PDB file of all heavy atoms in Angstrom:
ATOM      1  N   GLY A   1      -2.555 -16.848  -0.866  1.00  0.00           N
ATOM      2  CA  GLY A   1      -2.929 -16.201  -2.073  1.00  0.00           C
ATOM      3  C   GLY A   1      -3.063 -14.642  -1.940  1.00  0.00           C
ATOM      4  O   GLY A   1      -3.385 -13.979  -2.992  1.00  0.00           O
ATOM      5  N   ASP A   2      -2.731 -14.063  -0.779  1.00  0.00           N
ATOM      6  CA  ASP A   2      -2.648 -12.604  -0.634  1.00  0.00           C
ATOM      7  C   ASP A   2      -1.565 -12.024  -1.443  1.00  0.00           C
ATOM      8  O   ASP A   2      -0.328 -12.487  -1.389  1.00  0.00           O
ATOM      9  CB  ASP A   2      -2.570 -12.217   0.825  1.00  0.00           C
ATOM     10  CG  ASP A   2      -3.711 -12.640   1.667  1.00  0.00           C
ATOM     11  OD1 ASP A   2      -4.814 -12.729   1.238  1.00  0.00           O
ATOM     12  OD2 ASP A   2      -3.529 -12.812   2.837  1.00  0.00           O
ATOM     13  N   ILE A   3      -1.835 -10.949  -2.127  1.00  0.00           N
ATOM     14  CA  ILE A   3      -0.839 -10.141  -2.859  1.00  0.00           C
ATOM     15  C   ILE A   3      -1.101  -8.649  -2.561  1.00  0.00           C
ATOM     16  O   ILE A   3      -2.159  -8.243  -2.640  1.00  0.00           O
ATOM     17  CB  ILE A   3      -0.917 -10.331  -4.387  1.00  0.00           C
ATOM     18  CG1 ILE A   3      -0.672 -11.884  -4.697  1.00  0.00           C
ATOM     19  CG2 ILE A   3       0.094  -9.486  -5.117  1.00  0.00           C
ATOM     20  CD1 ILE A   3      -0.984 -12.205  -6.148  1.00  0.00           C
ATOM     21  N   MET A   4       0.011  -7.987  -2.200  1.00  0.00           N
ATOM     22  CA  MET A   4      -0.090  -6.496  -1.791  1.00  0.00           C
ATOM     23  C   MET A   4       0.977  -5.786  -2.633  1.00  0.00           C
ATOM     24  O   MET A   4       2.113  -6.176  -2.852  1.00  0.00           O
ATOM     25  CB  MET A   4       0.204  -6.375  -0.341  1.00  0.00           C
ATOM     26  CG  MET A   4      -0.723  -6.774   0.690  1.00  0.00           C
ATOM     27  SD  MET A   4      -0.155  -6.323   2.414  1.00  0.00           S
ATOM     28  CE  MET A   4      -1.433  -7.279   3.326  1.00  0.00           C
ATOM     29  N   GLU A   5       0.500  -4.668  -3.111  1.00  0.00           N
ATOM     30  CA  GLU A   5       1.413  -3.705  -3.803  1.00  0.00           C
ATOM     31  C   GLU A   5       1.176  -2.304  -3.073  1.00  0.00           C
ATOM     32  O   GLU A   5       0.082  -1.903  -2.802  1.00  0.00           O
ATOM     33  CB  GLU A   5       1.022  -3.484  -5.216  1.00  0.00           C
ATOM     34  CG  GLU A   5       1.119  -4.688  -6.067  1.00  0.00           C
ATOM     35  CD  GLU A   5       0.627  -4.402  -7.546  1.00  0.00           C
ATOM     36  OE1 GLU A   5      -0.601  -4.170  -7.721  1.00  0.00           O
ATOM     37  OE2 GLU A   5       1.473  -4.454  -8.458  1.00  0.00           O
ATOM     38  N   ILE A   6       2.393  -1.741  -2.872  1.00  0.00           N
ATOM     39  CA  ILE A   6       2.468  -0.312  -2.262  1.00  0.00           C
ATOM     40  C   ILE A   6       3.176   0.529  -3.186  1.00  0.00           C
ATOM     41  O   ILE A   6       4.296   0.174  -3.716  1.00  0.00           O
ATOM     42  CB  ILE A   6       3.219  -0.418  -0.886  1.00  0.00           C
ATOM     43  CG1 ILE A   6       2.469  -1.309   0.146  1.00  0.00           C
ATOM     44  CG2 ILE A   6       3.302   1.018  -0.371  1.00  0.00           C
ATOM     45  CD1 ILE A   6       1.332  -0.724   0.982  1.00  0.00           C
ATOM     46  N   PHE A   7       2.670   1.740  -3.329  1.00  0.00           N
ATOM     47  CA  PHE A   7       3.228   2.790  -4.176  1.00  0.00           C
ATOM     48  C   PHE A   7       3.478   3.929  -3.339  1.00  0.00           C
ATOM     49  O   PHE A   7       2.578   4.399  -2.629  1.00  0.00           O
ATOM     50  CB  PHE A   7       2.281   3.087  -5.396  1.00  0.00           C
ATOM     51  CG  PHE A   7       1.766   1.969  -6.229  1.00  0.00           C
ATOM     52  CD1 PHE A   7       0.755   1.164  -5.787  1.00  0.00           C
ATOM     53  CD2 PHE A   7       2.354   1.642  -7.447  1.00  0.00           C
ATOM     54  CE1 PHE A   7       0.244   0.162  -6.546  1.00  0.00           C
ATOM     55  CE2 PHE A   7       1.945   0.635  -8.175  1.00  0.00           C
ATOM     56  CZ  PHE A   7       0.923  -0.071  -7.828  1.00  0.00           C
ATOM     57  N   ILE A   8       4.625   4.573  -3.377  1.00  0.00           N
ATOM     58  CA  ILE A   8       4.933   5.798  -2.651  1.00  0.00           C
ATOM     59  C   ILE A   8       5.553   6.917  -3.331  1.00  0.00           C
ATOM     60  O   ILE A   8       6.180   6.673  -4.395  1.00  0.00           O
ATOM     61  CB  ILE A   8       5.952   5.500  -1.413  1.00  0.00           C
ATOM     62  CG1 ILE A   8       7.294   4.930  -1.957  1.00  0.00           C
ATOM     63  CG2 ILE A   8       5.325   4.466  -0.460  1.00  0.00           C
ATOM     64  CD1 ILE A   8       8.356   4.830  -0.904  1.00  0.00           C
ATOM     65  N   LYS A   9       5.116   8.109  -2.987  1.00  0.00           N
ATOM     66  CA  LYS A   9       5.681   9.349  -3.527  1.00  0.00           C
ATOM     67  C   LYS A   9       6.426   9.979  -2.412  1.00  0.00           C
ATOM     68  O   LYS A   9       5.892  10.122  -1.229  1.00  0.00           O
ATOM     69  CB  LYS A   9       4.624  10.332  -4.035  1.00  0.00           C
ATOM     70  CG  LYS A   9       4.215  10.047  -5.448  1.00  0.00           C
ATOM     71  CD  LYS A   9       5.321  10.578  -6.365  1.00  0.00           C
ATOM     72  CE  LYS A   9       4.869  10.384  -7.790  1.00  0.00           C
ATOM     73  NZ  LYS A   9       5.881  10.608  -8.878  1.00  0.00           N
ATOM     74  N   VAL A  10       7.642  10.406  -2.640  1.00  0.00           N
ATOM     75  CA  VAL A  10       8.535  11.070  -1.568  1.00  0.00           C
ATOM     76  C   VAL A  10       8.982  12.383  -1.942  1.00  0.00           C
ATOM     77  O   VAL A  10       9.334  12.517  -3.038  1.00  0.00           O
ATOM     78  CB  VAL A  10       9.761  10.156  -1.263  1.00  0.00           C
ATOM     79  CG1 VAL A  10      10.563  10.661  -0.136  1.00  0.00           C
ATOM     80  CG2 VAL A  10       9.273   8.676  -0.880  1.00  0.00           C
ATOM     81  N   ASP A  11       8.704  13.436  -1.003  1.00  0.00           N
ATOM     82  CA  ASP A  11       9.238  14.724  -1.319  1.00  0.00           C
ATOM     83  C   ASP A  11      10.011  15.278  -0.133  1.00  0.00           C
ATOM     84  O   ASP A  11       9.478  15.245   0.957  1.00  0.00           O
ATOM     85  CB  ASP A  11       7.950  15.657  -1.505  1.00  0.00           C
ATOM     86  CG  ASP A  11       8.358  17.045  -2.104  1.00  0.00           C
ATOM     87  OD1 ASP A  11       9.351  17.224  -2.609  1.00  0.00           O
ATOM     88  OD2 ASP A  11       7.491  17.947  -1.845  1.00  0.00           O
ATOM     89  N   ASN A  12      11.238  15.481  -0.431  1.00  0.00           N
ATOM     90  CA  ASN A  12      12.151  15.996   0.656  1.00  0.00           C
ATOM     91  C   ASN A  12      12.190  14.964   1.879  1.00  0.00           C
ATOM     92  O   ASN A  12      12.190  15.437   3.026  1.00  0.00           O
ATOM     93  CB  ASN A  12      11.781  17.351   1.183  1.00  0.00           C
ATOM     94  CG  ASN A  12      12.067  18.435   0.120  1.00  0.00           C
ATOM     95  OD1 ASN A  12      13.115  18.399  -0.671  1.00  0.00           O
ATOM     96  ND2 ASN A  12      11.259  19.402   0.032  1.00  0.00           N
ATOM     97  N   GLY A  13      12.205  13.755   1.556  1.00  0.00           N
ATOM     98  CA  GLY A  13      12.286  12.647   2.572  1.00  0.00           C
ATOM     99  C   GLY A  13      11.007  12.411   3.290  1.00  0.00           C
ATOM    100  O   GLY A  13      11.027  11.586   4.248  1.00  0.00           O
ATOM    101  N   ILE A  14       9.891  12.995   2.892  1.00  0.00           N
ATOM    102  CA  ILE A  14       8.632  12.708   3.452  1.00  0.00           C
ATOM    103  C   ILE A  14       7.715  12.041   2.419  1.00  0.00           C
ATOM    104  O   ILE A  14       7.646  12.282   1.345  1.00  0.00           O
ATOM    105  CB  ILE A  14       7.960  14.077   3.861  1.00  0.00           C
ATOM    106  CG1 ILE A  14       8.801  15.031   4.669  1.00  0.00           C
ATOM    107  CG2 ILE A  14       6.529  13.890   4.480  1.00  0.00           C
ATOM    108  CD1 ILE A  14       8.948  14.519   6.123  1.00  0.00           C
ATOM    109  N   LEU A  15       7.068  10.985   3.065  1.00  0.00           N
ATOM    110  CA  LEU A  15       6.069  10.291   2.149  1.00  0.00           C
ATOM    111  C   LEU A  15       4.812  11.070   2.025  1.00  0.00           C
ATOM    112  O   LEU A  15       4.002  11.189   2.887  1.00  0.00           O
ATOM    113  CB  LEU A  15       5.662   8.861   2.804  1.00  0.00           C
ATOM    114  CG  LEU A  15       6.776   7.810   2.531  1.00  0.00           C
ATOM    115  CD1 LEU A  15       7.949   7.955   3.384  1.00  0.00           C
ATOM    116  CD2 LEU A  15       6.123   6.439   2.781  1.00  0.00           C
ATOM    117  N   THR A  16       4.635  11.763   0.882  1.00  0.00           N
ATOM    118  CA  THR A  16       3.589  12.521   0.689  1.00  0.00           C
ATOM    119  C   THR A  16       2.305  11.929   0.122  1.00  0.00           C
ATOM    120  O   THR A  16       1.097  12.486   0.281  1.00  0.00           O
ATOM    121  CB  THR A  16       4.036  13.777  -0.339  1.00  0.00           C
ATOM    122  OG1 THR A  16       4.468  13.160  -1.459  1.00  0.00           O
ATOM    123  CG2 THR A  16       5.056  14.618   0.316  1.00  0.00           C
ATOM    124  N   ASP A  17       2.439  10.749  -0.527  1.00  0.00           N
ATOM    125  CA  ASP A  17       1.391  10.024  -0.933  1.00  0.00           C
ATOM    126  C   ASP A  17       1.711   8.548  -1.059  1.00  0.00           C
ATOM    127  O   ASP A  17       2.817   8.182  -1.275  1.00  0.00           O
ATOM    128  CB  ASP A  17       1.050  10.529  -2.423  1.00  0.00           C
ATOM    129  CG  ASP A  17      -0.321   9.995  -2.934  1.00  0.00           C
ATOM    130  OD1 ASP A  17      -1.151   9.556  -2.082  1.00  0.00           O
ATOM    131  OD2 ASP A  17      -0.640  10.011  -4.091  1.00  0.00           O
ATOM    132  N   VAL A  18       0.714   7.744  -0.625  1.00  0.00           N
ATOM    133  CA  VAL A  18       0.920   6.300  -0.506  1.00  0.00           C
ATOM    134  C   VAL A  18      -0.483   5.698  -0.954  1.00  0.00           C
ATOM    135  O   VAL A  18      -1.453   6.042  -0.628  1.00  0.00           O
ATOM    136  CB  VAL A  18       1.229   5.783   0.892  1.00  0.00           C
ATOM    137  CG1 VAL A  18       1.402   4.326   0.929  1.00  0.00           C
ATOM    138  CG2 VAL A  18       2.402   6.530   1.446  1.00  0.00           C
ATOM    139  N   LYS A  19      -0.332   4.747  -1.909  1.00  0.00           N
ATOM    140  CA  LYS A  19      -1.529   4.005  -2.386  1.00  0.00           C
ATOM    141  C   LYS A  19      -1.234   2.515  -2.308  1.00  0.00           C
ATOM    142  O   LYS A  19      -0.034   2.093  -2.351  1.00  0.00           O
ATOM    143  CB  LYS A  19      -1.820   4.368  -3.930  1.00  0.00           C
ATOM    144  CG  LYS A  19      -2.090   5.861  -4.115  1.00  0.00           C
ATOM    145  CD  LYS A  19      -3.467   6.197  -3.854  1.00  0.00           C
ATOM    146  CE  LYS A  19      -3.908   7.564  -4.318  1.00  0.00           C
ATOM    147  NZ  LYS A  19      -4.222   8.396  -3.174  1.00  0.00           N
ATOM    148  N   PHE A  20      -2.314   1.799  -2.325  1.00  0.00           N
ATOM    149  CA  PHE A  20      -2.161   0.290  -2.298  1.00  0.00           C
ATOM    150  C   PHE A  20      -3.123  -0.395  -3.242  1.00  0.00           C
ATOM    151  O   PHE A  20      -4.224   0.163  -3.530  1.00  0.00           O
ATOM    152  CB  PHE A  20      -2.097  -0.293  -0.964  1.00  0.00           C
ATOM    153  CG  PHE A  20      -3.570  -0.490  -0.442  1.00  0.00           C
ATOM    154  CD1 PHE A  20      -4.249  -1.682  -0.549  1.00  0.00           C
ATOM    155  CD2 PHE A  20      -4.221   0.538   0.277  1.00  0.00           C
ATOM    156  CE1 PHE A  20      -5.511  -1.872  -0.113  1.00  0.00           C
ATOM    157  CE2 PHE A  20      -5.538   0.353   0.764  1.00  0.00           C
ATOM    158  CZ  PHE A  20      -6.151  -0.826   0.542  1.00  0.00           C
ATOM    159  N   ARG A  21      -2.642  -1.548  -3.661  1.00  0.00           N
ATOM    160  CA  ARG A  21      -3.630  -2.532  -4.426  1.00  0.00           C
ATOM    161  C   ARG A  21      -3.451  -3.850  -3.763  1.00  0.00           C
ATOM    162  O   ARG A  21      -2.287  -4.351  -3.692  1.00  0.00           O
ATOM    163  CB  ARG A  21      -3.246  -2.463  -5.852  1.00  0.00           C
ATOM    164  CG  ARG A  21      -4.256  -2.846  -6.741  1.00  0.00           C
ATOM    165  CD  ARG A  21      -4.072  -2.438  -8.141  1.00  0.00           C
ATOM    166  NE  ARG A  21      -2.660  -2.786  -8.634  1.00  0.00           N
ATOM    167  CZ  ARG A  21      -2.289  -2.550  -9.891  1.00  0.00           C
ATOM    168  NH1 ARG A  21      -3.178  -2.030 -10.781  1.00  0.00           N
ATOM    169  NH2 ARG A  21      -1.088  -2.807 -10.313  1.00  0.00           N
ATOM    170  N   THR A  22      -4.475  -4.478  -3.195  1.00  0.00           N
ATOM    171  CA  THR A  22      -4.335  -5.710  -2.529  1.00  0.00           C
ATOM    172  C   THR A  22      -5.350  -6.692  -3.087  1.00  0.00           C
ATOM    173  O   THR A  22      -6.529  -6.367  -3.172  1.00  0.00           O
ATOM    174  CB  THR A  22      -4.488  -5.619  -0.999  1.00  0.00           C
ATOM    175  OG1 THR A  22      -3.347  -4.805  -0.478  1.00  0.00           O
ATOM    176  CG2 THR A  22      -4.518  -6.956  -0.352  1.00  0.00           C
ATOM    177  N   PHE A  23      -4.855  -7.987  -3.331  1.00  0.00           N
ATOM    178  CA  PHE A  23      -5.754  -9.014  -3.664  1.00  0.00           C
ATOM    179  C   PHE A  23      -5.654  -9.947  -2.425  1.00  0.00           C
ATOM    180  O   PHE A  23      -4.636 -10.498  -2.224  1.00  0.00           O
ATOM    181  CB  PHE A  23      -5.369  -9.718  -4.925  1.00  0.00           C
ATOM    182  CG  PHE A  23      -6.095 -10.954  -5.239  1.00  0.00           C
ATOM    183  CD1 PHE A  23      -7.315 -10.816  -5.861  1.00  0.00           C
ATOM    184  CD2 PHE A  23      -5.741 -12.242  -4.862  1.00  0.00           C
ATOM    185  CE1 PHE A  23      -8.107 -11.907  -6.182  1.00  0.00           C
ATOM    186  CE2 PHE A  23      -6.497 -13.249  -5.167  1.00  0.00           C
ATOM    187  CZ  PHE A  23      -7.619 -13.214  -5.839  1.00  0.00           C
ATOM    188  N   GLY A  24      -6.827 -10.055  -1.768  1.00  0.00           N
ATOM    189  CA  GLY A  24      -6.635 -10.893  -0.554  1.00  0.00           C
ATOM    190  C   GLY A  24      -8.022 -10.878   0.360  1.00  0.00           C
ATOM    191  O   GLY A  24      -8.991 -10.175  -0.139  1.00  0.00           O
ATOM    192  N   CYS A  25      -7.818 -11.399   1.488  1.00  0.00           N
ATOM    193  CA  CYS A  25      -8.935 -11.412   2.486  1.00  0.00           C
ATOM    194  C   CYS A  25      -9.188 -10.049   3.115  1.00  0.00           C
ATOM    195  O   CYS A  25      -8.428  -9.133   3.001  1.00  0.00           O
ATOM    196  CB  CYS A  25      -8.662 -12.497   3.523  1.00  0.00           C
ATOM    197  SG  CYS A  25      -7.146 -12.197   4.538  1.00  0.00           S
ATOM    198  N   ALA A  26     -10.140 -10.056   4.093  1.00  0.00           N
ATOM    199  CA  ALA A  26     -10.469  -8.877   4.774  1.00  0.00           C
ATOM    200  C   ALA A  26      -9.298  -8.370   5.549  1.00  0.00           C
ATOM    201  O   ALA A  26      -9.052  -7.104   5.644  1.00  0.00           O
ATOM    202  CB  ALA A  26     -11.656  -9.123   5.726  1.00  0.00           C
ATOM    203  N   SER A  27      -8.530  -9.250   6.216  1.00  0.00           N
ATOM    204  CA  SER A  27      -7.388  -8.833   7.032  1.00  0.00           C
ATOM    205  C   SER A  27      -6.316  -8.231   6.160  1.00  0.00           C
ATOM    206  O   SER A  27      -5.608  -7.329   6.545  1.00  0.00           O
ATOM    207  CB  SER A  27      -6.752 -10.025   7.792  1.00  0.00           C
ATOM    208  OG  SER A  27      -7.713 -10.501   8.771  1.00  0.00           O
ATOM    209  N   ALA A  28      -6.018  -8.774   4.988  1.00  0.00           N
ATOM    210  CA  ALA A  28      -5.000  -8.312   4.092  1.00  0.00           C
ATOM    211  C   ALA A  28      -5.390  -6.846   3.620  1.00  0.00           C
ATOM    212  O   ALA A  28      -4.511  -6.034   3.638  1.00  0.00           O
ATOM    213  CB  ALA A  28      -4.871  -9.281   2.888  1.00  0.00           C
ATOM    214  N   ILE A  29      -6.629  -6.689   3.203  1.00  0.00           N
ATOM    215  CA  ILE A  29      -7.059  -5.379   2.742  1.00  0.00           C
ATOM    216  C   ILE A  29      -7.048  -4.340   3.945  1.00  0.00           C
ATOM    217  O   ILE A  29      -6.497  -3.299   3.703  1.00  0.00           O
ATOM    218  CB  ILE A  29      -8.524  -5.440   2.219  1.00  0.00           C
ATOM    219  CG1 ILE A  29      -8.385  -6.280   0.843  1.00  0.00           C
ATOM    220  CG2 ILE A  29      -9.074  -4.124   1.912  1.00  0.00           C
ATOM    221  CD1 ILE A  29      -9.711  -6.763   0.234  1.00  0.00           C
ATOM    222  N   ALA A  30      -7.474  -4.731   5.167  1.00  0.00           N
ATOM    223  CA  ALA A  30      -7.382  -3.822   6.291  1.00  0.00           C
ATOM    224  C   ALA A  30      -6.003  -3.567   6.682  1.00  0.00           C
ATOM    225  O   ALA A  30      -5.711  -2.386   6.906  1.00  0.00           O
ATOM    226  CB  ALA A  30      -8.273  -4.503   7.354  1.00  0.00           C
ATOM    227  N   SER A  31      -5.150  -4.488   6.666  1.00  0.00           N
ATOM    228  CA  SER A  31      -3.753  -4.270   7.027  1.00  0.00           C
ATOM    229  C   SER A  31      -3.084  -3.255   5.991  1.00  0.00           C
ATOM    230  O   SER A  31      -2.394  -2.461   6.310  1.00  0.00           O
ATOM    231  CB  SER A  31      -2.907  -5.534   7.030  1.00  0.00           C
ATOM    232  OG  SER A  31      -3.411  -6.396   8.095  1.00  0.00           O
TER     233      SER A  31
END
């Protein structure tokens, strides 16, 4: 039942911002 979403912003080839939204257990959120 774990679901992970990752959102990235890239500027000149560099990941400048990364956010996540996870529905899951402690290990899923920590990962």
